[in-house]
Every structure is written in structure tokens, then in C-alpha cells.
Amino acid sequence: MKKYYLAFSVVILGACLCLANQKPMTGTIISESSVDCGTKKQGKKQSADLLCQQYTVRTTTTEYQIRQPKPGDKTIIPANTPVEFTIDKDKMKFKANGKKYEFLIVGTSAVPALSH
């Protein structure tokens, strides 16, 4: 029975270390756009559309479409900004221009192969 618990503990510890040791990937923000991400009530019968920033981040093999989780931050990250990021479930975390960001991944696609 002790061997079972020891083996189980080793497997759990190994899995935790693998997740914690996730290597950052590199990419470049290639485009930015404003997209509708909800509405805000302004009065009894009026509402205003809320806009969120959506970016495309390209790596050597994949393009990620990422969006602000809520429309609060109005900072715009310029195109051609290099980023080093990690992915945790459906979120991309990265640093750009000295500031940390966390965006929702809303889409992915393969980068088309170059034909000669």
C-alpha cells in the first residue's frame, strides 16, 4: 500500500512540475482591431455598445486571435510588437512594452506554408 501512495505522489508531483515549467513561446502581434463585446445601459431605454481590442499573434506555426476579457483597458498594443507568452487553458499571458497582459484566446489557425 505504501508503494501505491509513493507512486501516486510521484506522478502528481511530476505533473505539477511539468505544468509549472511551461516554456514561454515567442510570437509577434500582427494586427489589432476593435470588436463588439457587449452593451452598457446608459438610461432606462438607452444602451451603448462596448468595444474590446482583439489582436492576432503569429508564431512560426500558429496564429492566435486574442481578445480583452473586459473592455476596461484602453491601451492599444501596436502591430509588429514581439511578445513572449504562455498559454493557460483559454488564456494567453504575455508582457509587451513593460506591461503584463492577460487575454482570452478566441481562435487559432495554422500559419499557411510558403510555396515557392
C-alpha atoms as a PDB file:
ATOM      1  CA  MET A   1       0.000   0.000   0.000  1.00  0.00           C
ATOM      2  CA  LYS A   2       2.893   2.387   0.735  1.00  0.00           C
ATOM      3  CA  LYS A   3       4.270   1.785  -2.765  1.00  0.00           C
ATOM      4  CA  TYR A   4       0.923   2.824  -4.255  1.00  0.00           C
ATOM      5  CA  TYR A   5       0.898   6.123  -2.355  1.00  0.00           C
ATOM      6  CA  LEU A   6       4.540   6.767  -3.227  1.00  0.00           C
ATOM      7  CA  ALA A   7       3.916   6.125  -6.931  1.00  0.00           C
ATOM      8  CA  PHE A   8       0.785   8.283  -6.875  1.00  0.00           C
ATOM      9  CA  SER A   9       2.684  11.115  -5.175  1.00  0.00           C
ATOM     10  CA  VAL A  10       5.495  10.943  -7.738  1.00  0.00           C
ATOM     11  CA  VAL A  11       3.016  11.117 -10.631  1.00  0.00           C
ATOM     12  CA  ILE A  12       1.170  14.109  -9.130  1.00  0.00           C
ATOM     13  CA  LEU A  13       4.419  15.935  -8.334  1.00  0.00           C
ATOM     14  CA  GLY A  14       5.724  15.295 -11.850  1.00  0.00           C
ATOM     15  CA  ALA A  15       2.541  16.636 -13.419  1.00  0.00           C
ATOM     16  CA  CYS A  16       2.697  19.785 -11.281  1.00  0.00           C
ATOM     17  CA  LEU A  17       6.323  20.381 -12.223  1.00  0.00           C
ATOM     18  CA  CYS A  18       5.553  19.940 -15.925  1.00  0.00           C
ATOM     19  CA  LEU A  19       2.745  22.484 -15.771  1.00  0.00           C
ATOM     20  CA  ALA A  20       4.775  24.955 -13.729  1.00  0.00           C
ATOM     21  CA  ASN A  21       7.753  24.619 -16.059  1.00  0.00           C
ATOM     22  CA  GLN A  22       5.848  25.618 -19.182  1.00  0.00           C
ATOM     23  CA  LYS A  23       8.306  27.287 -21.533  1.00  0.00           C
ATOM     24  CA  PRO A  24       7.320  30.665 -22.926  1.00  0.00           C
ATOM     25  CA  MET A  25       6.684  30.840 -26.665  1.00  0.00           C
ATOM     26  CA  THR A  26       7.573  33.772 -28.881  1.00  0.00           C
ATOM     27  CA  GLY A  27       5.363  35.496 -31.387  1.00  0.00           C
ATOM     28  CA  THR A  28       4.518  38.836 -32.933  1.00  0.00           C
ATOM     29  CA  ILE A  29       1.329  40.854 -32.816  1.00  0.00           C
ATOM     30  CA  ILE A  30       0.478  41.252 -36.499  1.00  0.00           C
ATOM     31  CA  SER A  31      -2.884  43.040 -36.318  1.00  0.00           C
ATOM     32  CA  GLU A  32      -5.284  44.851 -33.995  1.00  0.00           C
ATOM     33  CA  SER A  33      -8.990  45.582 -34.314  1.00  0.00           C
ATOM     34  CA  SER A  34     -11.885  46.729 -32.159  1.00  0.00           C
ATOM     35  CA  VAL A  35     -14.741  44.253 -31.809  1.00  0.00           C
ATOM     36  CA  ASP A  36     -18.128  44.376 -30.121  1.00  0.00           C
ATOM     37  CA  CYS A  37     -18.032  42.738 -26.686  1.00  0.00           C
ATOM     38  CA  GLY A  38     -21.346  43.686 -25.125  1.00  0.00           C
ATOM     39  CA  THR A  39     -23.547  46.627 -24.235  1.00  0.00           C
ATOM     40  CA  LYS A  40     -23.823  49.002 -21.306  1.00  0.00           C
ATOM     41  CA  LYS A  41     -27.074  50.545 -20.117  1.00  0.00           C
ATOM     42  CA  GLN A  42     -26.962  54.325 -20.035  1.00  0.00           C
ATOM     43  CA  GLY A  43     -30.521  55.042 -19.113  1.00  0.00           C
ATOM     44  CA  LYS A  44     -33.897  53.411 -18.970  1.00  0.00           C
ATOM     45  CA  LYS A  45     -34.100  52.785 -22.709  1.00  0.00           C
ATOM     46  CA  GLN A  46     -30.627  53.645 -23.995  1.00  0.00           C
ATOM     47  CA  SER A  47     -27.612  51.412 -24.250  1.00  0.00           C
ATOM     48  CA  ALA A  48     -24.135  51.813 -25.692  1.00  0.00           C
ATOM     49  CA  ASP A  49     -22.036  49.202 -27.435  1.00  0.00           C
ATOM     50  CA  LEU A  50     -18.794  48.265 -25.676  1.00  0.00           C
ATOM     51  CA  LEU A  51     -15.662  47.619 -27.720  1.00  0.00           C
ATOM     52  CA  CYS A  52     -12.753  45.334 -26.852  1.00  0.00           C
ATOM     53  CA  GLN A  53      -9.371  45.142 -28.534  1.00  0.00           C
ATOM     54  CA  GLN A  54      -8.715  41.936 -30.485  1.00  0.00           C
ATOM     55  CA  TYR A  55      -5.239  41.009 -31.697  1.00  0.00           C
ATOM     56  CA  THR A  56      -3.691  38.373 -33.924  1.00  0.00           C
ATOM     57  CA  VAL A  57      -0.473  36.895 -32.551  1.00  0.00           C
ATOM     58  CA  ARG A  58       1.603  34.878 -35.025  1.00  0.00           C
ATOM     59  CA  THR A  59       4.183  32.247 -34.134  1.00  0.00           C
ATOM     60  CA  THR A  60       6.124  30.145 -36.630  1.00  0.00           C
ATOM     61  CA  THR A  61       3.295  27.597 -36.836  1.00  0.00           C
ATOM     62  CA  THR A  62       0.114  29.126 -35.386  1.00  0.00           C
ATOM     63  CA  GLU A  63      -1.933  32.300 -35.372  1.00  0.00           C
ATOM     64  CA  TYR A  64      -3.884  33.098 -32.207  1.00  0.00           C
ATOM     65  CA  GLN A  65      -6.812  35.501 -32.111  1.00  0.00           C
ATOM     66  CA  ILE A  66      -6.914  37.002 -28.613  1.00  0.00           C
ATOM     67  CA  ARG A  67      -9.352  39.458 -27.058  1.00  0.00           C
ATOM     68  CA  GLN A  68      -9.520  41.584 -23.921  1.00  0.00           C
ATOM     69  CA  PRO A  69     -11.553  39.796 -21.241  1.00  0.00           C
ATOM     70  CA  LYS A  70     -13.412  43.051 -20.491  1.00  0.00           C
ATOM     71  CA  PRO A  71     -13.430  46.482 -22.120  1.00  0.00           C
ATOM     72  CA  GLY A  72     -11.754  48.304 -19.207  1.00  0.00           C
ATOM     73  CA  ASP A  73      -8.197  48.665 -20.537  1.00  0.00           C
ATOM     74  CA  LYS A  74      -7.920  51.130 -23.410  1.00  0.00           C
ATOM     75  CA  THR A  75      -4.211  50.545 -24.082  1.00  0.00           C
ATOM     76  CA  ILE A  76      -3.545  49.633 -27.705  1.00  0.00           C
ATOM     77  CA  ILE A  77      -0.550  47.423 -28.432  1.00  0.00           C
ATOM     78  CA  PRO A  78       0.929  48.324 -31.842  1.00  0.00           C
ATOM     79  CA  ALA A  79       1.354  45.821 -34.667  1.00  0.00           C
ATOM     80  CA  ASN A  80       4.801  44.237 -35.080  1.00  0.00           C
ATOM     81  CA  THR A  81       5.280  44.131 -31.299  1.00  0.00           C
ATOM     82  CA  PRO A  82       7.219  40.981 -30.312  1.00  0.00           C
ATOM     83  CA  VAL A  83       5.763  39.083 -27.342  1.00  0.00           C
ATOM     84  CA  GLU A  84       6.859  36.165 -25.206  1.00  0.00           C
ATOM     85  CA  PHE A  85       3.780  34.368 -23.933  1.00  0.00           C
ATOM     86  CA  THR A  86       2.436  31.364 -22.089  1.00  0.00           C
ATOM     87  CA  ILE A  87      -0.931  29.702 -22.539  1.00  0.00           C
ATOM     88  CA  ASP A  88      -3.025  28.562 -19.591  1.00  0.00           C
ATOM     89  CA  LYS A  89      -6.292  26.890 -20.641  1.00  0.00           C
ATOM     90  CA  ASP A  90      -8.076  29.529 -22.742  1.00  0.00           C
ATOM     91  CA  LYS A  91      -5.879  32.473 -21.707  1.00  0.00           C
ATOM     92  CA  MET A  92      -2.688  33.917 -23.137  1.00  0.00           C
ATOM     93  CA  LYS A  93      -0.411  35.761 -20.724  1.00  0.00           C
ATOM     94  CA  PHE A  94       2.376  37.964 -22.029  1.00  0.00           C
ATOM     95  CA  LYS A  95       4.420  41.074 -21.461  1.00  0.00           C
ATOM     96  CA  ALA A  96       4.628  43.899 -24.001  1.00  0.00           C
ATOM     97  CA  ASN A  97       6.287  47.273 -23.566  1.00  0.00           C
ATOM     98  CA  GLY A  98       6.957  46.526 -19.881  1.00  0.00           C
ATOM     99  CA  LYS A  99       3.305  45.802 -19.003  1.00  0.00           C
ATOM    100  CA  LYS A 100       1.683  42.434 -18.249  1.00  0.00           C
ATOM    101  CA  TYR A 101      -1.446  41.379 -20.129  1.00  0.00           C
ATOM    102  CA  GLU A 102      -3.890  38.501 -19.967  1.00  0.00           C
ATOM    103  CA  PHE A 103      -6.174  37.927 -22.948  1.00  0.00           C
ATOM    104  CA  LEU A 104      -8.789  35.321 -23.874  1.00  0.00           C
ATOM    105  CA  ILE A 105      -7.944  33.068 -26.802  1.00  0.00           C
ATOM    106  CA  VAL A 106     -10.962  33.236 -29.120  1.00  0.00           C
ATOM    107  CA  GLY A 107      -9.487  31.425 -32.123  1.00  0.00           C
ATOM    108  CA  THR A 108      -6.488  29.642 -33.546  1.00  0.00           C
ATOM    109  CA  SER A 109      -5.385  28.717 -37.044  1.00  0.00           C
ATOM    110  CA  ALA A 110      -2.355  27.187 -38.702  1.00  0.00           C
ATOM    111  CA  VAL A 111       0.067  29.517 -40.453  1.00  0.00           C
ATOM    112  CA  PRO A 112      -0.062  28.758 -44.188  1.00  0.00           C
ATOM    113  CA  ALA A 113       3.068  27.162 -45.597  1.00  0.00           C
ATOM    114  CA  LEU A 114       5.110  29.257 -48.004  1.00  0.00           C
ATOM    115  CA  SER A 115       5.037  27.921 -51.550  1.00  0.00           C
ATOM    116  CA  HIS A 116       7.938  28.560 -53.887  1.00  0.00           C
END
